[in-house]
Amino acid sequence: MVRRAVLAFASMALLSGCPRQALFVVLPDAEGGGVGAITIEEGVTATTLDQPYAAAESRAGSTAPTAETQGEIAVIFRRALAAQPILPHHFRLYFVLGSDELTPDSKIAYRAVFDDIEQRPVYEIEVVGFTDTLGDLAYNQTLSLARAAAIRGELVRDGLDRNAISIAGRGKRDLLVPTADQTPEPRNRRVEITVR
């Protein structure tokens, strides 16, 4: 306890002696590597950051770009980076024509869904079923809901909390591949799973 208090005091003393008032850094998207942009306006200065790991600091009422290495950024923001929640992941599984049975490839892909869920201390799962345009609206609505329910059943059998899994059926609405009515399209026979 004393050591922690001394470290906190030493950090505050170092910060109070530092002329930097704030540091802004743009981090790349962990999944795709893309990056957004921010503009920091202070006094009469404006600094735009739009590249991965671009940084600017605020000193004495103005901002200016500054060079920070990825290593320095990792050290400075280690607590904030460690506290970031795991981002939502999206999965798509496909079904055999007219059934709630996964295709062989999707049976394998299902493990990736479960592996992602296992990484989360707390999770929420949304499963939405879809069909192709074969059949009428009522049939497709029922089948799409059955597909979502089948996946929820698998997740529960694999040890997940049923109350953390919501399901919905969209029938032949929201086609992944637009087709005419009464068209068998394997990519439309699917569930979309979002894990948060």
N, C-alpha and C. Protein backbone atom coordinates (compact mmCIF):
# COMPACT_ATOMS: atom_id res chain seq x y z
N MET A 1 0.84 -1.19 0.00
CA MET A 1 0.00 0.00 0.00
C MET A 1 0.88 1.26 0.00
N VAL A 2 1.92 1.27 0.85
CA VAL A 2 2.81 2.43 0.91
C VAL A 2 3.54 2.59 -0.42
N ARG A 3 4.02 1.44 -0.97
CA ARG A 3 4.74 1.51 -2.24
C ARG A 3 3.86 2.09 -3.34
N ARG A 4 2.58 1.67 -3.40
CA ARG A 4 1.65 2.18 -4.40
C ARG A 4 1.46 3.69 -4.24
N ALA A 5 1.34 4.15 -3.00
CA ALA A 5 1.16 5.58 -2.74
C ALA A 5 2.39 6.36 -3.16
N VAL A 6 3.58 5.82 -2.91
CA VAL A 6 4.82 6.49 -3.31
C VAL A 6 4.90 6.58 -4.83
N LEU A 7 4.56 5.48 -5.52
CA LEU A 7 4.58 5.50 -6.98
C LEU A 7 3.60 6.52 -7.53
N ALA A 8 2.41 6.59 -6.94
CA ALA A 8 1.42 7.56 -7.41
C ALA A 8 1.92 8.98 -7.19
N PHE A 9 2.53 9.26 -6.05
CA PHE A 9 3.06 10.58 -5.76
C PHE A 9 4.18 10.92 -6.73
N ALA A 10 5.07 9.96 -6.98
CA ALA A 10 6.18 10.21 -7.91
C ALA A 10 5.65 10.51 -9.30
N SER A 11 4.63 9.79 -9.74
CA SER A 11 4.04 10.05 -11.05
C SER A 11 3.43 11.44 -11.11
N MET A 12 2.72 11.83 -10.04
CA MET A 12 2.11 13.16 -10.03
C MET A 12 3.18 14.24 -10.03
N ALA A 13 4.26 14.00 -9.33
CA ALA A 13 5.33 14.99 -9.30
C ALA A 13 5.96 15.13 -10.68
N LEU A 14 6.16 14.00 -11.37
CA LEU A 14 6.72 14.06 -12.72
C LEU A 14 5.79 14.78 -13.68
N LEU A 15 4.48 14.49 -13.58
CA LEU A 15 3.52 15.13 -14.47
C LEU A 15 3.41 16.62 -14.22
N SER A 16 3.46 17.01 -12.95
CA SER A 16 3.32 18.44 -12.66
C SER A 16 4.52 19.23 -13.16
N GLY A 17 5.69 18.61 -13.29
CA GLY A 17 6.86 19.28 -13.80
C GLY A 17 6.93 19.26 -15.31
N CYS A 18 6.06 18.50 -15.96
CA CYS A 18 6.07 18.36 -17.41
C CYS A 18 5.20 19.43 -18.05
N PRO A 19 5.70 20.14 -19.08
CA PRO A 19 4.88 21.17 -19.71
C PRO A 19 3.75 20.63 -20.59
N ARG A 20 3.79 19.32 -20.90
CA ARG A 20 2.71 18.74 -21.70
C ARG A 20 1.43 18.68 -20.86
N GLN A 21 0.36 19.26 -21.40
CA GLN A 21 -0.92 19.25 -20.68
C GLN A 21 -1.81 18.08 -21.12
N ALA A 22 -1.69 17.67 -22.39
CA ALA A 22 -2.49 16.54 -22.89
C ALA A 22 -1.78 15.94 -24.10
N LEU A 23 -2.02 14.65 -24.29
CA LEU A 23 -1.47 13.94 -25.44
C LEU A 23 -2.62 13.23 -26.14
N PHE A 24 -2.70 13.41 -27.46
CA PHE A 24 -3.74 12.79 -28.28
C PHE A 24 -3.06 11.86 -29.28
N VAL A 25 -3.59 10.65 -29.42
CA VAL A 25 -3.01 9.65 -30.33
C VAL A 25 -4.15 8.96 -31.08
N VAL A 26 -3.96 8.74 -32.38
CA VAL A 26 -4.93 7.99 -33.18
C VAL A 26 -4.41 6.57 -33.32
N LEU A 27 -5.20 5.60 -32.82
CA LEU A 27 -4.83 4.20 -32.92
C LEU A 27 -5.54 3.56 -34.11
N PRO A 28 -4.87 2.64 -34.80
CA PRO A 28 -5.54 1.95 -35.92
C PRO A 28 -6.58 0.98 -35.41
N ASP A 29 -7.53 0.67 -36.26
CA ASP A 29 -8.55 -0.33 -35.98
C ASP A 29 -7.86 -1.67 -35.81
N ALA A 30 -8.13 -2.36 -34.69
CA ALA A 30 -7.46 -3.62 -34.41
C ALA A 30 -7.79 -4.69 -35.43
N GLU A 31 -8.99 -4.66 -36.02
CA GLU A 31 -9.40 -5.72 -36.95
C GLU A 31 -8.94 -5.45 -38.37
N GLY A 32 -9.18 -4.22 -38.85
CA GLY A 32 -8.91 -3.96 -40.26
C GLY A 32 -7.71 -3.07 -40.51
N GLY A 33 -7.14 -2.47 -39.48
CA GLY A 33 -6.00 -1.59 -39.65
C GLY A 33 -6.37 -0.20 -40.12
N GLY A 34 -7.66 0.07 -40.37
CA GLY A 34 -8.09 1.40 -40.78
C GLY A 34 -7.92 2.39 -39.64
N VAL A 35 -8.08 3.65 -39.97
CA VAL A 35 -7.90 4.68 -38.95
C VAL A 35 -8.90 5.81 -39.20
N GLY A 36 -9.38 6.38 -38.14
CA GLY A 36 -10.26 7.54 -38.23
C GLY A 36 -9.41 8.81 -38.21
N ALA A 37 -10.01 9.90 -37.82
CA ALA A 37 -9.29 11.17 -37.75
C ALA A 37 -9.88 12.02 -36.65
N ILE A 38 -9.04 12.83 -36.02
CA ILE A 38 -9.50 13.80 -35.03
C ILE A 38 -8.79 15.12 -35.31
N THR A 39 -9.45 16.21 -34.96
CA THR A 39 -8.85 17.53 -35.02
C THR A 39 -8.89 18.13 -33.62
N ILE A 40 -7.74 18.57 -33.15
CA ILE A 40 -7.63 19.18 -31.83
C ILE A 40 -7.46 20.68 -32.04
N GLU A 41 -8.40 21.44 -31.49
CA GLU A 41 -8.33 22.90 -31.60
C GLU A 41 -8.10 23.47 -30.21
N GLU A 42 -7.10 24.31 -30.13
CA GLU A 42 -6.81 24.96 -28.85
C GLU A 42 -6.24 26.34 -29.17
N GLY A 43 -6.87 27.37 -28.64
CA GLY A 43 -6.44 28.72 -28.95
C GLY A 43 -6.61 28.98 -30.44
N VAL A 44 -5.53 29.37 -31.08
CA VAL A 44 -5.58 29.65 -32.52
C VAL A 44 -5.03 28.49 -33.35
N THR A 45 -4.63 27.42 -32.70
CA THR A 45 -4.06 26.29 -33.44
C THR A 45 -5.05 25.16 -33.60
N ALA A 46 -4.93 24.45 -34.69
CA ALA A 46 -5.73 23.25 -34.95
C ALA A 46 -4.80 22.21 -35.56
N THR A 47 -4.81 21.03 -34.99
CA THR A 47 -3.97 19.94 -35.47
C THR A 47 -4.86 18.76 -35.82
N THR A 48 -4.73 18.26 -37.04
CA THR A 48 -5.51 17.10 -37.47
C THR A 48 -4.61 15.87 -37.48
N LEU A 49 -5.12 14.81 -36.88
CA LEU A 49 -4.40 13.53 -36.84
C LEU A 49 -5.23 12.52 -37.64
N ASP A 50 -4.65 11.97 -38.71
CA ASP A 50 -5.40 11.05 -39.55
C ASP A 50 -4.57 9.86 -40.03
N GLN A 51 -3.46 9.60 -39.37
CA GLN A 51 -2.61 8.47 -39.70
C GLN A 51 -2.46 7.58 -38.46
N PRO A 52 -2.22 6.28 -38.66
CA PRO A 52 -2.03 5.41 -37.49
C PRO A 52 -0.88 5.92 -36.62
N TYR A 53 -1.12 5.99 -35.33
CA TYR A 53 -0.16 6.40 -34.30
C TYR A 53 0.27 7.86 -34.44
N ALA A 54 -0.46 8.67 -35.20
CA ALA A 54 -0.18 10.10 -35.24
C ALA A 54 -0.49 10.66 -33.86
N ALA A 55 0.32 11.61 -33.41
CA ALA A 55 0.16 12.14 -32.06
C ALA A 55 0.32 13.66 -32.07
N ALA A 56 -0.36 14.29 -31.12
CA ALA A 56 -0.22 15.74 -30.92
C ALA A 56 -0.28 15.98 -29.43
N GLU A 57 0.40 17.03 -29.02
CA GLU A 57 0.39 17.38 -27.60
C GLU A 57 -0.09 18.81 -27.42
N SER A 58 -0.66 19.02 -26.28
CA SER A 58 -1.12 20.36 -25.91
C SER A 58 -0.13 20.93 -24.91
N ARG A 59 0.39 22.12 -25.24
CA ARG A 59 1.34 22.80 -24.35
C ARG A 59 1.04 24.29 -24.38
N ALA A 60 0.91 24.87 -23.24
CA ALA A 60 0.79 26.32 -23.09
C ALA A 60 -0.24 26.93 -24.03
N GLY A 61 -1.41 26.31 -24.14
CA GLY A 61 -2.50 26.90 -24.90
C GLY A 61 -2.48 26.65 -26.39
N SER A 62 -1.60 25.78 -26.90
CA SER A 62 -1.61 25.45 -28.32
C SER A 62 -1.30 23.96 -28.48
N THR A 63 -1.60 23.44 -29.66
CA THR A 63 -1.30 22.04 -29.95
C THR A 63 -0.32 21.97 -31.10
N ALA A 64 0.43 20.87 -31.11
CA ALA A 64 1.40 20.65 -32.19
C ALA A 64 1.63 19.15 -32.31
N PRO A 65 1.90 18.70 -33.54
CA PRO A 65 2.23 17.28 -33.71
C PRO A 65 3.47 16.92 -32.91
N THR A 66 3.54 15.70 -32.46
CA THR A 66 4.70 15.21 -31.74
C THR A 66 4.99 13.78 -32.18
N ALA A 67 6.22 13.38 -32.07
CA ALA A 67 6.61 12.02 -32.46
C ALA A 67 6.60 11.13 -31.22
N GLU A 68 5.78 10.10 -31.28
CA GLU A 68 5.72 9.09 -30.21
C GLU A 68 5.82 7.74 -30.89
N THR A 69 6.68 6.87 -30.40
CA THR A 69 6.78 5.54 -30.98
C THR A 69 5.62 4.67 -30.49
N GLN A 70 5.38 3.57 -31.19
CA GLN A 70 4.34 2.64 -30.75
C GLN A 70 4.64 2.14 -29.35
N GLY A 71 5.92 1.91 -29.06
CA GLY A 71 6.31 1.45 -27.72
C GLY A 71 6.00 2.48 -26.65
N GLU A 72 6.29 3.74 -26.93
CA GLU A 72 5.99 4.80 -25.96
C GLU A 72 4.48 4.93 -25.75
N ILE A 73 3.74 4.84 -26.85
CA ILE A 73 2.27 4.92 -26.75
C ILE A 73 1.74 3.78 -25.91
N ALA A 74 2.28 2.58 -26.13
CA ALA A 74 1.83 1.41 -25.36
C ALA A 74 2.09 1.60 -23.87
N VAL A 75 3.22 2.23 -23.52
CA VAL A 75 3.54 2.46 -22.11
C VAL A 75 2.64 3.56 -21.52
N ILE A 76 2.50 4.66 -22.23
CA ILE A 76 1.71 5.79 -21.74
C ILE A 76 0.25 5.39 -21.53
N PHE A 77 -0.31 4.65 -22.47
CA PHE A 77 -1.74 4.32 -22.42
C PHE A 77 -2.01 2.87 -22.03
N ARG A 78 -1.07 2.22 -21.35
CA ARG A 78 -1.23 0.79 -21.07
C ARG A 78 -2.50 0.48 -20.28
N ARG A 79 -2.84 1.29 -19.31
CA ARG A 79 -4.04 1.02 -18.52
C ARG A 79 -5.32 1.19 -19.36
N ALA A 80 -5.34 2.25 -20.15
CA ALA A 80 -6.51 2.48 -21.00
C ALA A 80 -6.64 1.37 -22.05
N LEU A 81 -5.52 0.97 -22.65
CA LEU A 81 -5.56 -0.09 -23.65
C LEU A 81 -5.98 -1.42 -23.03
N ALA A 82 -5.51 -1.69 -21.83
CA ALA A 82 -5.88 -2.94 -21.15
C ALA A 82 -7.35 -2.96 -20.76
N ALA A 83 -7.95 -1.78 -20.56
CA ALA A 83 -9.35 -1.71 -20.14
C ALA A 83 -10.33 -1.74 -21.30
N GLN A 84 -9.82 -1.73 -22.53
CA GLN A 84 -10.72 -1.73 -23.69
C GLN A 84 -11.51 -3.03 -23.73
N PRO A 85 -12.81 -2.93 -24.00
CA PRO A 85 -13.59 -4.16 -24.15
C PRO A 85 -13.23 -4.85 -25.46
N ILE A 86 -13.49 -6.14 -25.51
CA ILE A 86 -13.29 -6.86 -26.75
C ILE A 86 -14.35 -6.39 -27.73
N LEU A 87 -13.95 -6.07 -28.94
CA LEU A 87 -14.89 -5.57 -29.93
C LEU A 87 -15.88 -6.65 -30.34
N PRO A 88 -17.08 -6.25 -30.76
CA PRO A 88 -18.04 -7.25 -31.26
C PRO A 88 -17.48 -7.96 -32.49
N HIS A 89 -17.83 -9.22 -32.61
CA HIS A 89 -17.45 -9.98 -33.80
C HIS A 89 -18.71 -10.49 -34.47
N HIS A 90 -18.63 -10.61 -35.79
CA HIS A 90 -19.77 -11.05 -36.58
C HIS A 90 -19.39 -12.33 -37.32
N PHE A 91 -20.31 -13.27 -37.31
CA PHE A 91 -20.10 -14.55 -37.98
C PHE A 91 -21.30 -14.86 -38.85
N ARG A 92 -21.05 -15.63 -39.89
CA ARG A 92 -22.12 -16.04 -40.79
C ARG A 92 -22.00 -17.54 -41.02
N LEU A 93 -23.08 -18.26 -40.76
CA LEU A 93 -23.14 -19.70 -40.96
C LEU A 93 -24.25 -20.01 -41.96
N TYR A 94 -24.05 -21.04 -42.77
CA TYR A 94 -24.99 -21.38 -43.84
C TYR A 94 -25.67 -22.72 -43.58
N PHE A 95 -26.85 -22.89 -44.20
CA PHE A 95 -27.70 -24.06 -43.95
C PHE A 95 -27.99 -24.84 -45.23
N VAL A 96 -28.29 -26.11 -45.01
CA VAL A 96 -28.74 -26.99 -46.08
C VAL A 96 -30.13 -26.53 -46.50
N LEU A 97 -30.43 -26.65 -47.78
CA LEU A 97 -31.71 -26.22 -48.34
C LEU A 97 -32.90 -26.77 -47.55
N GLY A 98 -33.81 -25.87 -47.14
CA GLY A 98 -35.05 -26.24 -46.49
C GLY A 98 -34.92 -26.83 -45.10
N SER A 99 -33.78 -26.59 -44.42
CA SER A 99 -33.60 -27.20 -43.11
C SER A 99 -32.91 -26.25 -42.14
N ASP A 100 -32.81 -26.71 -40.88
CA ASP A 100 -32.04 -25.97 -39.88
C ASP A 100 -30.72 -26.68 -39.59
N GLU A 101 -30.23 -27.45 -40.57
CA GLU A 101 -28.96 -28.17 -40.45
C GLU A 101 -27.86 -27.36 -41.14
N LEU A 102 -26.76 -27.16 -40.42
CA LEU A 102 -25.64 -26.42 -40.99
C LEU A 102 -24.98 -27.20 -42.12
N THR A 103 -24.42 -26.46 -43.08
CA THR A 103 -23.62 -27.10 -44.12
C THR A 103 -22.34 -27.64 -43.47
N PRO A 104 -21.66 -28.60 -44.09
CA PRO A 104 -20.42 -29.13 -43.51
C PRO A 104 -19.38 -28.05 -43.21
N ASP A 105 -19.19 -27.09 -44.12
CA ASP A 105 -18.22 -26.01 -43.86
C ASP A 105 -18.64 -25.15 -42.68
N SER A 106 -19.94 -24.91 -42.53
CA SER A 106 -20.41 -24.07 -41.42
C SER A 106 -20.32 -24.79 -40.09
N LYS A 107 -20.41 -26.13 -40.10
CA LYS A 107 -20.20 -26.88 -38.86
C LYS A 107 -18.79 -26.65 -38.33
N ILE A 108 -17.85 -26.56 -39.25
CA ILE A 108 -16.46 -26.28 -38.85
C ILE A 108 -16.33 -24.82 -38.40
N ALA A 109 -16.94 -23.90 -39.15
CA ALA A 109 -16.86 -22.47 -38.83
C ALA A 109 -17.50 -22.15 -37.48
N TYR A 110 -18.48 -22.95 -37.08
CA TYR A 110 -19.16 -22.75 -35.80
C TYR A 110 -18.16 -22.72 -34.64
N ARG A 111 -17.12 -23.52 -34.69
CA ARG A 111 -16.13 -23.56 -33.61
C ARG A 111 -15.49 -22.18 -33.41
N ALA A 112 -15.29 -21.42 -34.47
CA ALA A 112 -14.71 -20.08 -34.34
C ALA A 112 -15.63 -19.17 -33.54
N VAL A 113 -16.93 -19.34 -33.71
CA VAL A 113 -17.90 -18.56 -32.94
C VAL A 113 -17.74 -18.87 -31.46
N PHE A 114 -17.71 -20.15 -31.16
CA PHE A 114 -17.61 -20.56 -29.76
C PHE A 114 -16.26 -20.16 -29.17
N ASP A 115 -15.19 -20.28 -29.95
CA ASP A 115 -13.86 -19.87 -29.48
C ASP A 115 -13.84 -18.38 -29.14
N ASP A 116 -14.51 -17.55 -29.95
CA ASP A 116 -14.57 -16.12 -29.66
C ASP A 116 -15.32 -15.85 -28.36
N ILE A 117 -16.42 -16.54 -28.17
CA ILE A 117 -17.23 -16.35 -26.96
C ILE A 117 -16.43 -16.72 -25.72
N GLU A 118 -15.62 -17.76 -25.81
CA GLU A 118 -14.83 -18.21 -24.65
C GLU A 118 -13.81 -17.17 -24.20
N GLN A 119 -13.43 -16.23 -25.08
CA GLN A 119 -12.46 -15.19 -24.74
C GLN A 119 -13.06 -14.06 -23.92
N ARG A 120 -14.37 -14.05 -23.80
CA ARG A 120 -15.06 -12.93 -23.16
C ARG A 120 -15.50 -13.30 -21.75
N PRO A 121 -15.18 -12.47 -20.77
CA PRO A 121 -15.65 -12.75 -19.41
C PRO A 121 -17.17 -12.60 -19.30
N VAL A 122 -17.72 -11.70 -20.07
CA VAL A 122 -19.17 -11.48 -20.14
C VAL A 122 -19.52 -11.40 -21.62
N TYR A 123 -20.62 -11.98 -21.99
CA TYR A 123 -20.97 -11.98 -23.41
C TYR A 123 -22.47 -11.79 -23.60
N GLU A 124 -22.78 -11.33 -24.78
CA GLU A 124 -24.16 -11.21 -25.24
C GLU A 124 -24.14 -11.62 -26.71
N ILE A 125 -25.07 -12.48 -27.08
CA ILE A 125 -25.07 -13.04 -28.44
C ILE A 125 -26.41 -12.78 -29.09
N GLU A 126 -26.37 -12.33 -30.32
CA GLU A 126 -27.58 -12.14 -31.12
C GLU A 126 -27.48 -13.05 -32.33
N VAL A 127 -28.50 -13.89 -32.54
CA VAL A 127 -28.53 -14.81 -33.67
C VAL A 127 -29.76 -14.48 -34.50
N VAL A 128 -29.55 -14.14 -35.76
CA VAL A 128 -30.66 -13.79 -36.66
C VAL A 128 -30.63 -14.75 -37.84
N GLY A 129 -31.77 -15.43 -38.07
CA GLY A 129 -31.88 -16.39 -39.16
C GLY A 129 -32.48 -15.78 -40.41
N PHE A 130 -32.09 -16.32 -41.57
CA PHE A 130 -32.56 -15.86 -42.88
C PHE A 130 -32.80 -17.07 -43.78
N THR A 131 -33.54 -16.85 -44.85
CA THR A 131 -33.78 -17.88 -45.86
C THR A 131 -33.52 -17.31 -47.24
N ASP A 132 -33.56 -18.19 -48.24
CA ASP A 132 -33.57 -17.71 -49.61
C ASP A 132 -35.02 -17.39 -49.97
N THR A 133 -35.32 -17.18 -51.25
CA THR A 133 -36.67 -16.73 -51.62
C THR A 133 -37.60 -17.87 -52.02
N LEU A 134 -37.16 -19.12 -51.87
CA LEU A 134 -38.06 -20.25 -52.11
C LEU A 134 -39.13 -20.26 -51.02
N GLY A 135 -40.36 -20.60 -51.35
CA GLY A 135 -41.42 -20.69 -50.34
C GLY A 135 -42.09 -19.36 -50.11
N ASP A 136 -43.20 -19.42 -49.34
CA ASP A 136 -43.94 -18.19 -49.06
C ASP A 136 -43.41 -17.51 -47.80
N LEU A 137 -43.95 -16.33 -47.51
CA LEU A 137 -43.46 -15.53 -46.38
C LEU A 137 -43.57 -16.27 -45.06
N ALA A 138 -44.72 -16.91 -44.79
CA ALA A 138 -44.92 -17.59 -43.51
C ALA A 138 -43.94 -18.74 -43.34
N TYR A 139 -43.76 -19.54 -44.38
CA TYR A 139 -42.82 -20.67 -44.32
C TYR A 139 -41.40 -20.17 -44.05
N ASN A 140 -40.98 -19.15 -44.78
CA ASN A 140 -39.62 -18.63 -44.61
C ASN A 140 -39.42 -17.99 -43.25
N GLN A 141 -40.43 -17.32 -42.74
CA GLN A 141 -40.31 -16.74 -41.41
C GLN A 141 -40.10 -17.84 -40.36
N THR A 142 -40.89 -18.89 -40.46
CA THR A 142 -40.78 -20.01 -39.51
C THR A 142 -39.41 -20.69 -39.63
N LEU A 143 -38.97 -20.93 -40.87
CA LEU A 143 -37.68 -21.59 -41.08
C LEU A 143 -36.52 -20.72 -40.58
N SER A 144 -36.57 -19.44 -40.82
CA SER A 144 -35.47 -18.57 -40.37
C SER A 144 -35.38 -18.54 -38.85
N LEU A 145 -36.52 -18.54 -38.18
CA LEU A 145 -36.52 -18.58 -36.71
C LEU A 145 -36.03 -19.94 -36.22
N ALA A 146 -36.39 -21.01 -36.90
CA ALA A 146 -35.90 -22.34 -36.53
C ALA A 146 -34.38 -22.43 -36.67
N ARG A 147 -33.82 -21.79 -37.67
CA ARG A 147 -32.37 -21.78 -37.85
C ARG A 147 -31.69 -21.04 -36.70
N ALA A 148 -32.23 -19.89 -36.32
CA ALA A 148 -31.66 -19.15 -35.19
C ALA A 148 -31.79 -19.96 -33.90
N ALA A 149 -32.92 -20.60 -33.70
CA ALA A 149 -33.13 -21.41 -32.50
C ALA A 149 -32.19 -22.61 -32.46
N ALA A 150 -31.91 -23.21 -33.63
CA ALA A 150 -30.99 -24.35 -33.69
C ALA A 150 -29.58 -23.93 -33.25
N ILE A 151 -29.15 -22.77 -33.69
CA ILE A 151 -27.82 -22.29 -33.29
C ILE A 151 -27.80 -21.96 -31.80
N ARG A 152 -28.86 -21.33 -31.30
CA ARG A 152 -28.92 -21.07 -29.86
C ARG A 152 -28.84 -22.39 -29.10
N GLY A 153 -29.57 -23.41 -29.56
CA GLY A 153 -29.52 -24.71 -28.91
C GLY A 153 -28.12 -25.30 -28.86
N GLU A 154 -27.38 -25.16 -29.96
CA GLU A 154 -25.99 -25.65 -29.99
C GLU A 154 -25.12 -24.89 -28.99
N LEU A 155 -25.27 -23.58 -28.96
CA LEU A 155 -24.48 -22.77 -28.03
C LEU A 155 -24.78 -23.14 -26.58
N VAL A 156 -26.05 -23.37 -26.28
CA VAL A 156 -26.44 -23.75 -24.92
C VAL A 156 -25.88 -25.14 -24.60
N ARG A 157 -25.96 -26.08 -25.53
CA ARG A 157 -25.38 -27.42 -25.30
C ARG A 157 -23.88 -27.35 -25.07
N ASP A 158 -23.23 -26.34 -25.66
CA ASP A 158 -21.80 -26.17 -25.46
C ASP A 158 -21.48 -25.36 -24.21
N GLY A 159 -22.49 -25.10 -23.38
CA GLY A 159 -22.24 -24.52 -22.07
C GLY A 159 -22.52 -23.04 -21.91
N LEU A 160 -23.12 -22.40 -22.90
CA LEU A 160 -23.39 -20.97 -22.76
C LEU A 160 -24.75 -20.72 -22.12
N ASP A 161 -24.89 -19.54 -21.55
CA ASP A 161 -26.11 -19.14 -20.85
C ASP A 161 -27.21 -18.81 -21.86
N ARG A 162 -28.29 -19.55 -21.79
CA ARG A 162 -29.42 -19.35 -22.71
C ARG A 162 -29.95 -17.92 -22.63
N ASN A 163 -29.92 -17.33 -21.44
CA ASN A 163 -30.45 -15.97 -21.25
C ASN A 163 -29.58 -14.89 -21.89
N ALA A 164 -28.36 -15.25 -22.29
CA ALA A 164 -27.47 -14.28 -22.93
C ALA A 164 -27.57 -14.33 -24.44
N ILE A 165 -28.49 -15.16 -24.96
CA ILE A 165 -28.60 -15.36 -26.40
C ILE A 165 -29.99 -14.96 -26.87
N SER A 166 -30.06 -13.94 -27.69
CA SER A 166 -31.35 -13.55 -28.28
C SER A 166 -31.41 -14.06 -29.71
N ILE A 167 -32.62 -14.40 -30.16
CA ILE A 167 -32.78 -14.89 -31.52
C ILE A 167 -33.89 -14.13 -32.22
N ALA A 168 -33.80 -14.12 -33.55
CA ALA A 168 -34.84 -13.51 -34.39
C ALA A 168 -34.79 -14.19 -35.75
N GLY A 169 -35.90 -14.13 -36.45
CA GLY A 169 -35.99 -14.65 -37.80
C GLY A 169 -36.40 -13.54 -38.74
N ARG A 170 -35.72 -13.43 -39.87
CA ARG A 170 -36.03 -12.38 -40.84
C ARG A 170 -36.60 -12.95 -42.14
N GLY A 171 -36.75 -14.29 -42.20
CA GLY A 171 -37.30 -14.89 -43.40
C GLY A 171 -36.49 -14.56 -44.63
N LYS A 172 -37.19 -14.18 -45.70
CA LYS A 172 -36.49 -13.83 -46.94
C LYS A 172 -36.27 -12.32 -47.08
N ARG A 173 -36.46 -11.59 -45.99
CA ARG A 173 -36.12 -10.17 -45.98
C ARG A 173 -34.60 -10.03 -45.77
N ASP A 174 -34.04 -8.95 -46.19
CA ASP A 174 -32.61 -8.67 -46.01
C ASP A 174 -31.74 -9.73 -46.66
N LEU A 175 -31.96 -9.98 -47.92
CA LEU A 175 -31.16 -10.98 -48.65
C LEU A 175 -29.70 -10.54 -48.72
N LEU A 176 -28.80 -11.48 -48.52
CA LEU A 176 -27.39 -11.20 -48.69
C LEU A 176 -27.08 -11.05 -50.18
N VAL A 177 -27.68 -11.91 -50.98
CA VAL A 177 -27.54 -11.87 -52.44
C VAL A 177 -28.92 -11.61 -53.02
N PRO A 178 -29.18 -10.42 -53.56
CA PRO A 178 -30.50 -10.14 -54.12
C PRO A 178 -30.84 -11.11 -55.25
N THR A 179 -32.03 -11.68 -55.17
CA THR A 179 -32.50 -12.61 -56.20
C THR A 179 -33.98 -12.37 -56.46
N ALA A 180 -34.46 -12.96 -57.55
CA ALA A 180 -35.89 -12.95 -57.82
C ALA A 180 -36.57 -13.90 -56.85
N ASP A 181 -37.88 -13.78 -56.72
CA ASP A 181 -38.64 -14.68 -55.87
C ASP A 181 -38.53 -16.12 -56.40
N GLN A 182 -38.60 -17.07 -55.48
CA GLN A 182 -38.51 -18.51 -55.78
C GLN A 182 -37.15 -18.91 -56.38
N THR A 183 -36.09 -18.25 -55.90
CA THR A 183 -34.73 -18.56 -56.37
C THR A 183 -33.94 -19.22 -55.24
N PRO A 184 -33.41 -20.42 -55.47
CA PRO A 184 -32.59 -21.07 -54.44
C PRO A 184 -31.18 -20.46 -54.44
N GLU A 185 -30.84 -19.74 -53.40
CA GLU A 185 -29.51 -19.11 -53.30
C GLU A 185 -28.88 -19.53 -51.97
N PRO A 186 -27.86 -20.39 -52.01
CA PRO A 186 -27.26 -20.92 -50.78
C PRO A 186 -26.74 -19.85 -49.82
N ARG A 187 -26.25 -18.72 -50.34
CA ARG A 187 -25.69 -17.69 -49.45
C ARG A 187 -26.76 -16.92 -48.69
N ASN A 188 -28.01 -17.03 -49.11
CA ASN A 188 -29.11 -16.39 -48.36
C ASN A 188 -29.63 -17.28 -47.23
N ARG A 189 -29.33 -18.58 -47.27
CA ARG A 189 -29.77 -19.52 -46.23
C ARG A 189 -28.73 -19.49 -45.12
N ARG A 190 -28.92 -18.60 -44.17
CA ARG A 190 -27.84 -18.32 -43.22
C ARG A 190 -28.37 -17.87 -41.88
N VAL A 191 -27.45 -17.80 -40.90
CA VAL A 191 -27.66 -17.04 -39.67
C VAL A 191 -26.53 -16.04 -39.57
N GLU A 192 -26.84 -14.88 -39.07
CA GLU A 192 -25.85 -13.86 -38.75
C GLU A 192 -25.74 -13.83 -37.24
N ILE A 193 -24.52 -14.02 -36.74
CA ILE A 193 -24.29 -14.05 -35.30
C ILE A 193 -23.43 -12.87 -34.92
N THR A 194 -23.89 -12.11 -33.94
CA THR A 194 -23.09 -11.01 -33.39
C THR A 194 -22.79 -11.35 -31.95
N VAL A 195 -21.50 -11.34 -31.63
CA VAL A 195 -21.05 -11.63 -30.27
C VAL A 195 -20.47 -10.35 -29.69
N ARG A 196 -21.03 -9.93 -28.54
CA ARG A 196 -20.53 -8.72 -27.86
C ARG A 196 -20.02 -9.11 -26.49
